[in-house]
PDB file of N, CA and C in Angstrom:
ATOM      1  N   MET A   1     109.408 104.980 124.967  1.00  0.00           N
ATOM      2  CA  MET A   1     108.423 105.006 126.024  1.00  0.00           C
ATOM      3  C   MET A   1     108.350 103.625 126.637  1.00  0.00           C
ATOM      4  N   PRO A   2     108.508 103.516 127.934  1.00  0.00           N
ATOM      5  CA  PRO A   2     108.500 102.194 128.545  1.00  0.00           C
ATOM      6  C   PRO A   2     107.126 101.564 128.495  1.00  0.00           C
ATOM      7  N   GLY A   3     107.112 100.251 128.460  1.00  0.00           N
ATOM      8  CA  GLY A   3     105.863  99.517 128.448  1.00  0.00           C
ATOM      9  C   GLY A   3     105.304  99.379 129.845  1.00  0.00           C
ATOM     10  N   LYS A   4     104.432  98.396 130.050  1.00  0.00           N
ATOM     11  CA  LYS A   4     103.807  98.244 131.360  1.00  0.00           C
ATOM     12  C   LYS A   4     104.741  97.605 132.376  1.00  0.00           C
ATOM     13  N   HIS A   5     105.820  96.984 131.926  1.00  0.00           N
ATOM     14  CA  HIS A   5     106.790  96.384 132.833  1.00  0.00           C
ATOM     15  C   HIS A   5     107.933  97.365 133.039  1.00  0.00           C
ATOM     16  N   LYS A   6     108.215  97.685 134.312  1.00  0.00           N
ATOM     17  CA  LYS A   6     109.194  98.740 134.567  1.00  0.00           C
ATOM     18  C   LYS A   6     110.619  98.334 134.227  1.00  0.00           C
ATOM     19  N   ASN A   7     110.922  97.036 134.206  1.00  0.00           N
ATOM     20  CA  ASN A   7     112.279  96.605 133.906  1.00  0.00           C
ATOM     21  C   ASN A   7     112.535  96.414 132.415  1.00  0.00           C
ATOM     22  N   ARG A   8     111.484  96.468 131.634  1.00  0.00           N
ATOM     23  CA  ARG A   8     111.649  96.308 130.190  1.00  0.00           C
ATOM     24  C   ARG A   8     111.697  97.672 129.537  1.00  0.00           C
ATOM     25  N   GLN A   9     112.444  97.751 128.480  1.00  0.00           N
ATOM     26  CA  GLN A   9     112.484  98.998 127.737  1.00  0.00           C
ATOM     27  C   GLN A   9     112.337  98.713 126.254  1.00  0.00           C
ATOM     28  N   SER A  10     111.675  99.622 125.575  1.00  0.00           N
ATOM     29  CA  SER A  10     111.504  99.471 124.141  1.00  0.00           C
ATOM     30  C   SER A  10     112.624 100.214 123.430  1.00  0.00           C
ATOM     31  N   PHE A  11     113.078  99.641 122.342  1.00  0.00           N
ATOM     32  CA  PHE A  11     114.120 100.286 121.554  1.00  0.00           C
ATOM     33  C   PHE A  11     113.525 101.061 120.388  1.00  0.00           C
ATOM     34  N   ARG A  12     112.181 101.181 120.368  1.00  0.00           N
ATOM     35  CA  ARG A  12     111.496 101.866 119.281  1.00  0.00           C
ATOM     36  C   ARG A  12     111.912 103.327 119.238  1.00  0.00           C
ATOM     37  N   ASP A  13     112.171 103.809 118.033  1.00  0.00           N
ATOM     38  CA  ASP A  13     112.534 105.202 117.825  1.00  0.00           C
ATOM     39  C   ASP A  13     111.302 106.066 118.099  1.00  0.00           C
ATOM     40  N   PRO A  14     111.346 107.012 119.041  1.00  0.00           N
ATOM     41  CA  PRO A  14     110.156 107.801 119.366  1.00  0.00           C
ATOM     42  C   PRO A  14     109.683 108.695 118.220  1.00  0.00           C
ATOM     43  N   VAL A  15     110.545 108.973 117.262  1.00  0.00           N
ATOM     44  CA  VAL A  15     110.162 109.815 116.126  1.00  0.00           C
ATOM     45  C   VAL A  15     109.296 109.033 115.142  1.00  0.00           C
ATOM     46  N   ARG A  16     109.508 107.733 115.057  1.00  0.00           N
ATOM     47  CA  ARG A  16     108.768 106.885 114.118  1.00  0.00           C
ATOM     48  C   ARG A  16     107.311 106.748 114.575  1.00  0.00           C
ATOM     49  N   PRO A  17     106.348 107.029 113.694  1.00  0.00           N
ATOM     50  CA  PRO A  17     104.940 106.921 114.085  1.00  0.00           C
ATOM     51  C   PRO A  17     104.546 105.479 114.396  1.00  0.00           C
ATOM     52  N   ARG A  18     103.668 105.323 115.369  1.00  0.00           N
ATOM     53  CA  ARG A  18     103.178 103.988 115.715  1.00  0.00           C
ATOM     54  C   ARG A  18     102.349 103.436 114.558  1.00  0.00           C
ATOM     55  N   GLY A  19     102.437 102.139 114.341  1.00  0.00           N
ATOM     56  CA  GLY A  19     101.649 101.500 113.301  1.00  0.00           C
ATOM     57  C   GLY A  19     102.245 101.589 111.913  1.00  0.00           C
ATOM     58  N   GLN A  20     103.371 102.236 111.770  1.00  0.00           N
ATOM     59  CA  GLN A  20     104.003 102.353 110.456  1.00  0.00           C
ATOM     60  C   GLN A  20     104.664 101.026 110.099  1.00  0.00           C
ATOM     61  N   ARG A  21     104.402 100.556 108.904  1.00  0.00           N
ATOM     62  CA  ARG A  21     104.958  99.277 108.469  1.00  0.00           C
ATOM     63  C   ARG A  21     106.414  99.436 108.063  1.00  0.00           C
ATOM     64  N   LEU A  22     107.149  98.338 108.146  1.00  0.00           N
ATOM     65  CA  LEU A  22     108.550  98.354 107.734  1.00  0.00           C
ATOM     66  C   LEU A  22     108.638  98.434 106.215  1.00  0.00           C
ATOM     67  N   SER A  23     109.603  99.168 105.731  1.00  0.00           N
ATOM     68  CA  SER A  23     109.838  99.208 104.296  1.00  0.00           C
ATOM     69  C   SER A  23     110.552  97.918 103.888  1.00  0.00           C
ATOM     70  N   GLU A  24     110.631  97.691 102.603  1.00  0.00           N
ATOM     71  CA  GLU A  24     111.311  96.489 102.114  1.00  0.00           C
ATOM     72  C   GLU A  24     112.787  96.507 102.517  1.00  0.00           C
ATOM     73  N   TYR A  25     113.391  97.692 102.495  1.00  0.00           N
ATOM     74  CA  TYR A  25     114.793  97.835 102.883  1.00  0.00           C
ATOM     75  C   TYR A  25     114.990  97.465 104.360  1.00  0.00           C
ATOM     76  N   GLU A  26     114.086  97.945 105.209  1.00  0.00           N
ATOM     77  CA  GLU A  26     114.195  97.645 106.642  1.00  0.00           C
ATOM     78  C   GLU A  26     113.994  96.156 106.919  1.00  0.00           C
ATOM     79  N   ARG A  27     113.040  95.547 106.213  1.00  0.00           N
ATOM     80  CA  ARG A  27     112.815  94.107 106.381  1.00  0.00           C
ATOM     81  C   ARG A  27     114.066  93.330 105.979  1.00  0.00           C
ATOM     82  N   THR A  28     114.668  93.721 104.866  1.00  0.00           N
ATOM     83  CA  THR A  28     115.881  93.048 104.399  1.00  0.00           C
ATOM     84  C   THR A  28     117.009  93.215 105.409  1.00  0.00           C
ATOM     85  N   GLN A  29     117.121  94.404 105.984  1.00  0.00           N
ATOM     86  CA  GLN A  29     118.144  94.652 106.996  1.00  0.00           C
ATOM     87  C   GLN A  29     117.969  93.721 108.195  1.00  0.00           C
ATOM     88  N   VAL A  30     116.744  93.627 108.696  1.00  0.00           N
ATOM     89  CA  VAL A  30     116.466  92.786 109.868  1.00  0.00           C
ATOM     90  C   VAL A  30     116.795  91.335 109.562  1.00  0.00           C
ATOM     91  N   LEU A  31     116.323  90.844 108.431  1.00  0.00           N
ATOM     92  CA  LEU A  31     116.529  89.435 108.094  1.00  0.00           C
ATOM     93  C   LEU A  31     117.997  89.125 107.813  1.00  0.00           C
ATOM     94  N   THR A  32     118.712  90.055 107.203  1.00  0.00           N
ATOM     95  CA  THR A  32     120.139  89.845 106.944  1.00  0.00           C
ATOM     96  C   THR A  32     120.927  89.794 108.244  1.00  0.00           C
ATOM     97  N   LEU A  33     120.641  90.722 109.137  1.00  0.00           N
ATOM     98  CA  LEU A  33     121.355  90.733 110.416  1.00  0.00           C
ATOM     99  C   LEU A  33     121.061  89.477 111.234  1.00  0.00           C
ATOM    100  N   TYR A  34     119.838  88.979 111.131  1.00  0.00           N
ATOM    101  CA  TYR A  34     119.468  87.797 111.910  1.00  0.00           C
ATOM    102  C   TYR A  34     120.041  86.517 111.290  1.00  0.00           C
ATOM    103  N   ASN A  35     119.822  86.334 109.988  1.00  0.00           N
ATOM    104  CA  ASN A  35     120.209  85.076 109.339  1.00  0.00           C
ATOM    105  C   ASN A  35     121.693  85.014 108.975  1.00  0.00           C
ATOM    106  N   THR A  36     122.229  86.086 108.427  1.00  0.00           N
ATOM    107  CA  THR A  36     123.609  86.066 107.946  1.00  0.00           C
ATOM    108  C   THR A  36     124.610  86.449 109.036  1.00  0.00           C
ATOM    109  N   ALA A  37     124.348  87.564 109.712  1.00  0.00           N
ATOM    110  CA  ALA A  37     125.300  88.044 110.717  1.00  0.00           C
ATOM    111  C   ALA A  37     125.154  87.321 112.052  1.00  0.00           C
ATOM    112  N   GLY A  38     124.012  86.671 112.265  1.00  0.00           N
ATOM    113  CA  GLY A  38     123.813  85.914 113.496  1.00  0.00           C
ATOM    114  C   GLY A  38     123.498  86.763 114.720  1.00  0.00           C
ATOM    115  N   TRP A  39     123.001  87.983 114.510  1.00  0.00           N
ATOM    116  CA  TRP A  39     122.650  88.839 115.644  1.00  0.00           C
ATOM    117  C   TRP A  39     121.373  88.322 116.291  1.00  0.00           C
ATOM    118  N   ASN A  40     121.196  88.598 117.579  1.00  0.00           N
ATOM    119  CA  ASN A  40     119.930  88.216 118.205  1.00  0.00           C
ATOM    120  C   ASN A  40     118.918  89.355 118.063  1.00  0.00           C
ATOM    121  N   LYS A  41     117.667  89.069 118.394  1.00  0.00           N
ATOM    122  CA  LYS A  41     116.575  90.010 118.133  1.00  0.00           C
ATOM    123  C   LYS A  41     116.700  91.295 118.942  1.00  0.00           C
ATOM    124  N   THR A  42     117.172  91.181 120.164  1.00  0.00           N
ATOM    125  CA  THR A  42     117.301  92.368 121.013  1.00  0.00           C
ATOM    126  C   THR A  42     118.334  93.340 120.462  1.00  0.00           C
ATOM    127  N   VAL A  43     119.446  92.821 120.004  1.00  0.00           N
ATOM    128  CA  VAL A  43     120.502  93.679 119.446  1.00  0.00           C
ATOM    129  C   VAL A  43     120.018  94.345 118.161  1.00  0.00           C
ATOM    130  N   ILE A  44     119.308  93.600 117.328  1.00  0.00           N
ATOM    131  CA  ILE A  44     118.771  94.166 116.082  1.00  0.00           C
ATOM    132  C   ILE A  44     117.796  95.296 116.402  1.00  0.00           C
ATOM    133  N   ALA A  45     116.905  95.061 117.371  1.00  0.00           N
ATOM    134  CA  ALA A  45     115.931  96.089 117.755  1.00  0.00           C
ATOM    135  C   ALA A  45     116.634  97.343 118.251  1.00  0.00           C
ATOM    136  N   ARG A  46     117.668  97.173 119.048  1.00  0.00           N
ATOM    137  CA  ARG A  46     118.395  98.315 119.597  1.00  0.00           C
ATOM    138  C   ARG A  46     119.118  99.088 118.491  1.00  0.00           C
ATOM    139  N   GLU A  47     119.795  98.379 117.601  1.00  0.00           N
ATOM    140  CA  GLU A  47     120.595  99.037 116.559  1.00  0.00           C
ATOM    141  C   GLU A  47     119.743  99.746 115.516  1.00  0.00           C
ATOM    142  N   LEU A  48     118.600  99.152 115.158  1.00  0.00           N
ATOM    143  CA  LEU A  48     117.760  99.737 114.106  1.00  0.00           C
ATOM    144  C   LEU A  48     116.675 100.658 114.650  1.00  0.00           C
ATOM    145  N   GLY A  49     116.537 100.733 115.973  1.00  0.00           N
ATOM    146  CA  GLY A  49     115.524 101.602 116.570  1.00  0.00           C
ATOM    147  C   GLY A  49     114.116 101.100 116.354  1.00  0.00           C
ATOM    148  N   LEU A  50     113.936  99.779 116.414  1.00  0.00           N
ATOM    149  CA  LEU A  50     112.628  99.169 116.226  1.00  0.00           C
ATOM    150  C   LEU A  50     112.178  98.512 117.524  1.00  0.00           C
ATOM    151  N   ALA A  51     110.878  98.308 117.652  1.00  0.00           N
ATOM    152  CA  ALA A  51     110.359  97.587 118.803  1.00  0.00           C
ATOM    153  C   ALA A  51     110.761  96.118 118.688  1.00  0.00           C
ATOM    154  N   HIS A  52     110.971  95.487 119.833  1.00  0.00           N
ATOM    155  CA  HIS A  52     111.375  94.079 119.846  1.00  0.00           C
ATOM    156  C   HIS A  52     110.319  93.207 119.163  1.00  0.00           C
ATOM    157  N   SER A  53     109.040  93.526 119.395  1.00  0.00           N
ATOM    158  CA  SER A  53     107.964  92.734 118.783  1.00  0.00           C
ATOM    159  C   SER A  53     107.965  92.876 117.262  1.00  0.00           C
ATOM    160  N   THR A  54     108.340  94.046 116.759  1.00  0.00           N
ATOM    161  CA  THR A  54     108.409  94.262 115.309  1.00  0.00           C
ATOM    162  C   THR A  54     109.478  93.379 114.692  1.00  0.00           C
ATOM    163  N   VAL A  55     110.627  93.314 115.346  1.00  0.00           N
ATOM    164  CA  VAL A  55     111.726  92.476 114.850  1.00  0.00           C
ATOM    165  C   VAL A  55     111.313  91.010 114.895  1.00  0.00           C
ATOM    166  N   ARG A  56     110.679  90.600 115.989  1.00  0.00           N
ATOM    167  CA  ARG A  56     110.249  89.202 116.144  1.00  0.00           C
ATOM    168  C   ARG A  56     109.253  88.819 115.049  1.00  0.00           C
ATOM    169  N   LEU A  57     108.270  89.676 114.790  1.00  0.00           N
ATOM    170  CA  LEU A  57     107.273  89.384 113.753  1.00  0.00           C
ATOM    171  C   LEU A  57     107.894  89.373 112.357  1.00  0.00           C
ATOM    172  N   CYS A  58     108.817  90.281 112.110  1.00  0.00           N
ATOM    173  CA  CYS A  58     109.489  90.341 110.811  1.00  0.00           C
ATOM    174  C   CYS A  58     110.246  89.045 110.544  1.00  0.00           C
ATOM    175  N   ILE A  59     110.935  88.538 111.552  1.00  0.00           N
ATOM    176  CA  ILE A  59     111.704  87.301 111.392  1.00  0.00           C
ATOM    177  C   ILE A  59     110.775  86.107 111.209  1.00  0.00           C
ATOM    178  N   SER A  60     109.660  86.087 111.927  1.00  0.00           N
ATOM    179  CA  SER A  60     108.743  84.948 111.800  1.00  0.00           C
ATOM    180  C   SER A  60     108.036  84.937 110.450  1.00  0.00           C
ATOM    181  N   GLU A  61     107.784  86.121 109.864  1.00  0.00           N
ATOM    182  CA  GLU A  61     107.130  86.188 108.553  1.00  0.00           C
ATOM    183  C   GLU A  61     108.079  85.813 107.423  1.00  0.00           C
ATOM    184  N   GLY A  62     109.358  86.053 107.590  1.00  0.00           N
ATOM    185  CA  GLY A  62     110.334  85.678 106.575  1.00  0.00           C
ATOM    186  C   GLY A  62     110.470  86.712 105.480  1.00  0.00           C
ATOM    187  N   TYR A  63     110.842  86.237 104.301  1.00  0.00           N
ATOM    188  CA  TYR A  63     111.152  87.136 103.192  1.00  0.00           C
ATOM    189  C   TYR A  63     109.931  87.621 102.429  1.00  0.00           C
ATOM    190  N   PHE A  64     108.768  87.109 102.742  1.00  0.00           N
ATOM    191  CA  PHE A  64     107.572  87.524 102.023  1.00  0.00           C
ATOM    192  C   PHE A  64     107.126  88.892 102.518  1.00  0.00           C
ATOM    193  N   THR A  65     106.774  89.746 101.587  1.00  0.00           N
ATOM    194  CA  THR A  65     106.273  91.055 101.996  1.00  0.00           C
ATOM    195  C   THR A  65     104.867  90.871 102.551  1.00  0.00           C
ATOM    196  N   PRO A  66     104.520  91.612 103.587  1.00  0.00           N
ATOM    197  CA  PRO A  66     103.212  91.422 104.211  1.00  0.00           C
ATOM    198  C   PRO A  66     102.086  91.896 103.310  1.00  0.00           C
ATOM    199  N   LYS A  67     100.897  91.351 103.552  1.00  0.00           N
ATOM    200  CA  LYS A  67      99.728  91.770 102.792  1.00  0.00           C
ATOM    201  C   LYS A  67      99.315  93.171 103.221  1.00  0.00           C
ATOM    202  N   ARG A  68      98.573  93.799 102.357  1.00  0.00           N
ATOM    203  CA  ARG A  68      98.010  95.098 102.704  1.00  0.00           C
ATOM    204  C   ARG A  68      97.080  94.935 103.896  1.00  0.00           C
ATOM    205  N   PRO A  69      96.926  95.947 104.722  1.00  0.00           N
ATOM    206  CA  PRO A  69      95.993  95.816 105.831  1.00  0.00           C
ATOM    207  C   PRO A  69      94.565  95.670 105.305  1.00  0.00           C
ATOM    208  N   PRO A  70      93.784  94.767 105.881  1.00  0.00           N
ATOM    209  CA  PRO A  70      92.429  94.548 105.389  1.00  0.00           C
ATOM    210  C   PRO A  70      91.509  95.712 105.755  1.00  0.00           C
ATOM    211  N   GLY A  71      90.416  95.791 105.055  1.00  0.00           N
ATOM    212  CA  GLY A  71      89.416  96.803 105.375  1.00  0.00           C
ATOM    213  C   GLY A  71      89.318  97.876 104.313  1.00  0.00           C
ATOM    214  N   ARG A  72      88.290  98.661 104.479  1.00  0.00           N
ATOM    215  CA  ARG A  72      88.033  99.734 103.538  1.00  0.00           C
ATOM    216  C   ARG A  72      89.006 100.888 103.775  1.00  0.00           C
ATOM    217  N   ARG A  73      89.438 101.500 102.697  1.00  0.00           N
ATOM    218  CA  ARG A  73      90.334 102.646 102.826  1.00  0.00           C
ATOM    219  C   ARG A  73      89.550 103.831 103.393  1.00  0.00           C
ATOM    220  N   PRO A  74      90.185 104.623 104.234  1.00  0.00           N
ATOM    221  CA  PRO A  74      89.469 105.754 104.836  1.00  0.00           C
ATOM    222  C   PRO A  74      89.132 106.830 103.803  1.00  0.00           C
ATOM    223  N   ILE A  75      87.978 107.424 103.976  1.00  0.00           N
ATOM    224  CA  ILE A  75      87.549 108.494 103.080  1.00  0.00           C
ATOM    225  C   ILE A  75      88.367 109.748 103.352  1.00  0.00           C
ATOM    226  N   LEU A  76      88.600 110.002 104.628  1.00  0.00           N
ATOM    227  CA  LEU A  76      89.315 111.202 105.037  1.00  0.00           C
ATOM    228  C   LEU A  76      90.688 110.803 105.565  1.00  0.00           C
ATOM    229  N   THR A  77      91.707 111.023 104.763  1.00  0.00           N
ATOM    230  CA  THR A  77      93.063 110.652 105.162  1.00  0.00           C
ATOM    231  C   THR A  77      93.640 111.711 106.106  1.00  0.00           C
ATOM    232  N   THR A  78      94.781 111.398 106.670  1.00  0.00           N
ATOM    233  CA  THR A  78      95.418 112.320 107.615  1.00  0.00           C
ATOM    234  C   THR A  78      95.750 113.651 106.952  1.00  0.00           C
ATOM    235  N   GLY A  79      96.239 113.597 105.729  1.00  0.00           N
ATOM    236  CA  GLY A  79      96.576 114.834 105.021  1.00  0.00           C
ATOM    237  C   GLY A  79      95.364 115.717 104.783  1.00  0.00           C
ATOM    238  N   LYS A  80      94.270 115.106 104.355  1.00  0.00           N
ATOM    239  CA  LYS A  80      93.044 115.874 104.122  1.00  0.00           C
ATOM    240  C   LYS A  80      92.514 116.453 105.434  1.00  0.00           C
ATOM    241  N   ARG A  81      92.587 115.659 106.503  1.00  0.00           N
ATOM    242  CA  ARG A  81      92.108 116.129 107.802  1.00  0.00           C
ATOM    243  C   ARG A  81      92.939 117.325 108.281  1.00  0.00           C
ATOM    244  N   ARG A  82      94.244 117.255 108.091  1.00  0.00           N
ATOM    245  CA  ARG A  82      95.099 118.377 108.494  1.00  0.00           C
ATOM    246  C   ARG A  82      94.801 119.628 107.673  1.00  0.00           C
ATOM    247  N   ARG A  83      94.509 119.422 106.375  1.00  0.00           N
ATOM    248  CA  ARG A  83      94.136 120.560 105.529  1.00  0.00           C
ATOM    249  C   ARG A  83      92.859 121.224 106.030  1.00  0.00           C
ATOM    250  N   LEU A  84      91.877 120.392 106.429  1.00  0.00           N
ATOM    251  CA  LEU A  84      90.619 120.923 106.958  1.00  0.00           C
ATOM    252  C   LEU A  84      90.865 121.744 108.224  1.00  0.00           C
ATOM    253  N   ILE A  85      91.646 121.191 109.136  1.00  0.00           N
ATOM    254  CA  ILE A  85      91.928 121.873 110.399  1.00  0.00           C
ATOM    255  C   ILE A  85      92.669 123.179 110.132  1.00  0.00           C
ATOM    256  N   HIS A  86      93.638 123.122 109.225  1.00  0.00           N
ATOM    257  CA  HIS A  86      94.402 124.334 108.899  1.00  0.00           C
ATOM    258  C   HIS A  86      93.480 125.407 108.332  1.00  0.00           C
ATOM    259  N   ARG A  87      92.588 125.027 107.426  1.00  0.00           N
ATOM    260  CA  ARG A  87      91.668 125.988 106.816  1.00  0.00           C
ATOM    261  C   ARG A  87      90.714 126.554 107.866  1.00  0.00           C
ATOM    262  N   ALA A  88      90.241 125.693 108.775  1.00  0.00           N
ATOM    263  CA  ALA A  88      89.276 126.136 109.780  1.00  0.00           C
ATOM    264  C   ALA A  88      89.896 127.103 110.783  1.00  0.00           C
ATOM    265  N   THR A  89      91.186 127.013 110.997  1.00  0.00           N
ATOM    266  CA  THR A  89      91.849 127.869 111.987  1.00  0.00           C
ATOM    267  C   THR A  89      92.720 128.943 111.337  1.00  0.00           C
ATOM    268  N   LEU A  90      92.518 129.175 110.061  1.00  0.00           N
ATOM    269  CA  LEU A  90      93.368 130.101 109.315  1.00  0.00           C
ATOM    270  C   LEU A  90      93.260 131.537 109.822  1.00  0.00           C
ATOM    271  N   ASP A  91      92.040 132.051 109.901  1.00  0.00           N
ATOM    272  CA  ASP A  91      91.830 133.419 110.372  1.00  0.00           C
ATOM    273  C   ASP A  91      90.412 133.527 110.931  1.00  0.00           C
ATOM    274  N   ALA A  92      90.016 134.731 111.322  1.00  0.00           N
ATOM    275  CA  ALA A  92      88.712 134.931 111.957  1.00  0.00           C
ATOM    276  C   ALA A  92      87.561 134.578 111.010  1.00  0.00           C
ATOM    277  N   TYR A  93      87.705 134.903 109.735  1.00  0.00           N
ATOM    278  CA  TYR A  93      86.644 134.601 108.773  1.00  0.00           C
ATOM    279  C   TYR A  93      86.394 133.093 108.690  1.00  0.00           C
ATOM    280  N   HIS A  94      87.465 132.315 108.552  1.00  0.00           N
ATOM    281  CA  HIS A  94      87.314 130.871 108.410  1.00  0.00           C
ATOM    282  C   HIS A  94      86.863 130.209 109.707  1.00  0.00           C
ATOM    283  N   ARG A  95      87.196 130.803 110.861  1.00  0.00           N
ATOM    284  CA  ARG A  95      86.751 130.222 112.129  1.00  0.00           C
ATOM    285  C   ARG A  95      85.246 130.347 112.311  1.00  0.00           C
ATOM    286  N   ARG A  96      84.618 131.286 111.604  1.00  0.00           N
ATOM    287  CA  ARG A  96      83.170 131.477 111.720  1.00  0.00           C
ATOM    288  C   ARG A  96      82.377 130.592 110.758  1.00  0.00           C
ATOM    289  N   LEU A  97      83.044 129.949 109.827  1.00  0.00           N
ATOM    290  CA  LEU A  97      82.353 129.101 108.854  1.00  0.00           C
ATOM    291  C   LEU A  97      81.940 127.779 109.488  1.00  0.00           C
ATOM    292  N   SER A  98      80.887 127.173 108.927  1.00  0.00           N
ATOM    293  CA  SER A  98      80.468 125.854 109.412  1.00  0.00           C
ATOM    294  C   SER A  98      81.400 124.786 108.841  1.00  0.00           C
ATOM    295  N   TYR A  99      81.316 123.592 109.406  1.00  0.00           N
ATOM    296  CA  TYR A  99      82.156 122.487 108.929  1.00  0.00           C
ATOM    297  C   TYR A  99      81.882 122.185 107.457  1.00  0.00           C
ATOM    298  N   ASP A 100      80.614 122.242 107.079  1.00  0.00           N
ATOM    299  CA  ASP A 100      80.246 121.947 105.689  1.00  0.00           C
ATOM    300  C   ASP A 100      80.866 122.960 104.721  1.00  0.00           C
ATOM    301  N   GLU A 101      80.853 124.225 105.111  1.00  0.00           N
ATOM    302  CA  GLU A 101      81.417 125.266 104.245  1.00  0.00           C
ATOM    303  C   GLU A 101      82.936 125.118 104.110  1.00  0.00           C
ATOM    304  N   ILE A 102      83.589 124.731 105.184  1.00  0.00           N
ATOM    305  CA  ILE A 102      85.042 124.518 105.132  1.00  0.00           C
ATOM    306  C   ILE A 102      85.364 123.348 104.208  1.00  0.00           C
ATOM    307  N   ALA A 103      84.564 122.278 104.295  1.00  0.00           N
ATOM    308  CA  ALA A 103      84.780 121.119 103.429  1.00  0.00           C
ATOM    309  C   ALA A 103      84.580 121.498 101.963  1.00  0.00           C
ATOM    310  N   GLN A 104      83.585 122.334 101.682  1.00  0.00           N
ATOM    311  CA  GLN A 104      83.353 122.773 100.309  1.00  0.00           C
ATOM    312  C   GLN A 104      84.524 123.606  99.794  1.00  0.00           C
ATOM    313  N   LEU A 105      85.077 124.458 100.646  1.00  0.00           N
ATOM    314  CA  LEU A 105      86.234 125.262 100.238  1.00  0.00           C
ATOM    315  C   LEU A 105      87.426 124.376  99.887  1.00  0.00           C
ATOM    316  N   GLU A 106      87.576 123.275 100.595  1.00  0.00           N
ATOM    317  CA  GLU A 106      88.681 122.343 100.343  1.00  0.00           C
ATOM    318  C   GLU A 106      88.370 121.364  99.212  1.00  0.00           C
ATOM    319  N   GLY A 107      87.136 121.381  98.710  1.00  0.00           N
ATOM    320  CA  GLY A 107      86.765 120.489  97.616  1.00  0.00           C
ATOM    321  C   GLY A 107      86.491 119.064  98.062  1.00  0.00           C
ATOM    322  N   LEU A 108      86.076 118.895  99.321  1.00  0.00           N
ATOM    323  CA  LEU A 108      85.788 117.566  99.855  1.00  0.00           C
ATOM    324  C   LEU A 108      84.288 117.384 100.000  1.00  0.00           C
ATOM    325  N   ASN A 109      83.804 116.240  99.566  1.00  0.00           N
ATOM    326  CA  ASN A 109      82.392 115.924  99.671  1.00  0.00           C
ATOM    327  C   ASN A 109      82.223 114.898 100.790  1.00  0.00           C
ATOM    328  N   LEU A 110      81.994 115.391 102.010  1.00  0.00           N
ATOM    329  CA  LEU A 110      81.906 114.520 103.176  1.00  0.00           C
ATOM    330  C   LEU A 110      80.590 114.742 103.900  1.00  0.00           C
ATOM    331  N   CYS A 111      80.119 113.699 104.565  1.00  0.00           N
ATOM    332  CA  CYS A 111      78.904 113.833 105.353  1.00  0.00           C
ATOM    333  C   CYS A 111      79.217 114.568 106.661  1.00  0.00           C
ATOM    334  N   ARG A 112      78.178 115.027 107.318  1.00  0.00           N
ATOM    335  CA  ARG A 112      78.331 115.807 108.558  1.00  0.00           C
ATOM    336  C   ARG A 112      79.047 114.998 109.640  1.00  0.00           C
ATOM    337  N   ARG A 113      78.714 113.714 109.735  1.00  0.00           N
ATOM    338  CA  ARG A 113      79.307 112.846 110.761  1.00  0.00           C
ATOM    339  C   ARG A 113      80.816 112.708 110.566  1.00  0.00           C
ATOM    340  N   SER A 114      81.256 112.530 109.330  1.00  0.00           N
ATOM    341  CA  SER A 114      82.690 112.419 109.047  1.00  0.00           C
ATOM    342  C   SER A 114      83.425 113.705 109.415  1.00  0.00           C
ATOM    343  N   LEU A 115      82.802 114.832 109.123  1.00  0.00           N
ATOM    344  CA  LEU A 115      83.419 116.110 109.467  1.00  0.00           C
ATOM    345  C   LEU A 115      83.531 116.287 110.980  1.00  0.00           C
ATOM    346  N   LEU A 116      82.478 115.927 111.701  1.00  0.00           N
ATOM    347  CA  LEU A 116      82.512 116.046 113.160  1.00  0.00           C
ATOM    348  C   LEU A 116      83.608 115.178 113.753  1.00  0.00           C
ATOM    349  N   LYS A 117      83.727 113.949 113.253  1.00  0.00           N
ATOM    350  CA  LYS A 117      84.767 113.049 113.759  1.00  0.00           C
ATOM    351  C   LYS A 117      86.160 113.578 113.447  1.00  0.00           C
ATOM    352  N   ALA A 118      86.324 114.179 112.274  1.00  0.00           N
ATOM    353  CA  ALA A 118      87.628 114.719 111.888  1.00  0.00           C
ATOM    354  C   ALA A 118      88.036 115.863 112.807  1.00  0.00           C
ATOM    355  N   PHE A 119      87.088 116.732 113.135  1.00  0.00           N
ATOM    356  CA  PHE A 119      87.418 117.869 113.996  1.00  0.00           C
ATOM    357  C   PHE A 119      87.555 117.448 115.455  1.00  0.00           C
ATOM    358  N   GLU A 120      86.908 116.366 115.853  1.00  0.00           N
ATOM    359  CA  GLU A 120      87.065 115.861 117.223  1.00  0.00           C
ATOM    360  C   GLU A 120      88.453 115.284 117.441  1.00  0.00           C
ATOM    361  N   ARG A 121      89.035 114.696 116.401  1.00  0.00           N
ATOM    362  CA  ARG A 121      90.360 114.077 116.530  1.00  0.00           C
ATOM    363  C   ARG A 121      91.447 115.100 116.802  1.00  0.00           C
ATOM    364  N   GLU A 122      91.269 116.293 116.303  1.00  0.00           N
ATOM    365  CA  GLU A 122      92.316 117.324 116.449  1.00  0.00           C
ATOM    366  C   GLU A 122      92.125 118.155 117.681  1.00  0.00           C
TER     367      GLU A 122
END
């Protein structure tokens, strides 16, 4: 997907989810191609299907693995949210249930606000 500049193009793989961190193998690949093989950042981004900024940040950070993202872990993960949506849209009986009843069926103890936000996202 092109950025805001029409002459620039991203080499990011469209299948790869946004915000996904590089694995240790991918980091090693980027750093090896840059330091040992002498490739430039644009070529590495194109060949590995990564955004140019991702390659640039990986090279600037070096061989150290990045820290975990700061902040509290989410109560309702993507998998749990998808399970809720799937259960709520399963059949006519489940579509008539309230959000609280669907959460109880899935074994989740969530407040009303969290449930509303989860269903708004989908």
